Amino acid sequence: MDWHPAQVKAALAMVGTNLSKLAKEHKYAHINEVLYRPWVAAERIVARALALEPEAIWPSRYRRPRHRGIAMTRNPHALAPPCEGPD
């Protein structure tokens, strides 16, 4: 079961941060929407702040295999597979 938005906020407060601070640190105006909608980049930001994987916070978003490449991110390379070097 996914964490309740209040649980996410409380967990962030316990580690000394909040969604507003995380958004500013990562050059976003806000990331509150991650509490209610899938947003890969913001899920990773929140999970890293809590020293968790996003799947631990929002398991329903990761349960079914699906293409997660259509995500709200400012960096078009953030979701790209790593490039392979020359042979």
Protein backbone atom coordinates (compact mmCIF):
# COMPACT_ATOMS: atom_id res chain seq x y z
CA MET A 1 0.00 0.00 0.00
CA ASP A 2 1.27 3.46 -0.89
CA TRP A 3 2.25 5.82 1.89
CA HIS A 4 -0.34 8.42 2.76
CA PRO A 5 0.75 11.95 1.73
CA ALA A 6 0.88 12.93 5.42
CA GLN A 7 3.25 10.02 6.07
CA VAL A 8 5.59 11.21 3.32
CA LYS A 9 5.56 14.75 4.70
CA ALA A 10 6.16 13.51 8.25
CA ALA A 11 9.04 11.28 7.15
CA LEU A 12 10.64 14.21 5.33
CA ALA A 13 10.24 16.39 8.42
CA MET A 14 11.92 13.70 10.52
CA VAL A 15 15.02 13.90 8.31
CA GLY A 16 14.98 17.71 8.42
CA THR A 17 13.54 18.62 5.06
CA ASN A 18 10.23 19.12 3.25
CA LEU A 19 8.87 19.12 -0.29
CA SER A 20 9.47 22.84 -0.72
CA LYS A 21 13.15 22.56 0.24
CA LEU A 22 13.65 19.55 -2.01
CA ALA A 23 12.02 21.36 -4.92
CA LYS A 24 14.29 24.37 -4.51
CA GLU A 25 17.40 22.20 -4.17
CA HIS A 26 16.56 20.46 -7.44
CA LYS A 27 15.47 23.60 -9.33
CA TYR A 28 11.73 22.88 -9.43
CA ALA A 29 9.04 25.41 -8.52
CA HIS A 30 7.24 22.71 -6.53
CA ILE A 31 7.02 18.94 -6.35
CA ASN A 32 3.90 18.55 -4.19
CA GLU A 33 2.14 16.83 -7.09
CA VAL A 34 4.30 13.73 -6.50
CA LEU A 35 2.11 12.94 -3.50
CA TYR A 36 -0.90 12.40 -5.77
CA ARG A 37 0.39 11.54 -9.27
CA PRO A 38 3.26 9.55 -10.75
CA TRP A 39 6.28 11.76 -11.45
CA VAL A 40 9.46 9.72 -11.82
CA ALA A 41 11.97 12.53 -11.23
CA ALA A 42 10.22 13.82 -8.10
CA GLU A 43 9.67 10.28 -6.78
CA ARG A 44 13.42 9.73 -6.96
CA ILE A 45 14.14 13.05 -5.21
CA VAL A 46 11.81 12.23 -2.32
CA ALA A 47 13.02 8.65 -2.04
CA ARG A 48 16.69 9.71 -1.95
CA ALA A 49 15.93 12.20 0.81
CA LEU A 50 14.45 9.33 2.82
CA ALA A 51 17.22 6.87 1.88
CA LEU A 52 14.64 4.60 0.24
CA GLU A 53 13.71 3.40 -3.21
CA PRO A 54 10.61 5.01 -4.77
CA GLU A 55 9.01 1.55 -4.90
CA ALA A 56 9.01 1.44 -1.09
CA ILE A 57 6.96 4.64 -0.87
CA TRP A 58 4.65 4.16 -3.88
CA PRO A 59 4.50 0.42 -4.62
CA SER A 60 1.31 0.75 -6.68
CA ARG A 61 3.14 2.95 -9.17
CA TYR A 62 5.74 0.25 -9.77
CA ARG A 63 3.72 -2.95 -9.38
CA ARG A 64 2.68 -3.48 -12.99
CA PRO A 65 5.25 -3.43 -15.76
CA ARG A 66 4.67 -0.40 -17.92
CA HIS A 67 6.62 2.18 -19.80
CA ARG A 68 7.65 4.86 -17.31
CA GLY A 69 9.54 6.90 -19.89
CA ILE A 70 6.76 9.43 -20.32
CA ALA A 71 7.51 11.38 -17.21
CA MET A 72 7.62 14.93 -16.05
CA THR A 73 11.30 15.76 -15.98
CA ARG A 74 13.35 18.72 -17.10
CA ASN A 75 16.25 16.56 -18.13
CA PRO A 76 15.46 14.59 -21.32
CA HIS A 77 18.43 12.32 -20.60
CA ALA A 78 17.34 11.44 -17.05
CA LEU A 79 15.36 8.43 -18.20
CA ALA A 80 17.52 7.44 -21.16
CA PRO A 81 19.43 4.17 -20.97
CA PRO A 82 23.17 4.57 -20.44
CA CYS A 83 25.22 4.96 -23.59
CA GLU A 84 27.60 2.20 -24.46
CA GLY A 85 31.19 3.08 -25.21
CA PRO A 86 32.94 2.37 -28.50
CA ASP A 87 33.79 -1.27 -29.15
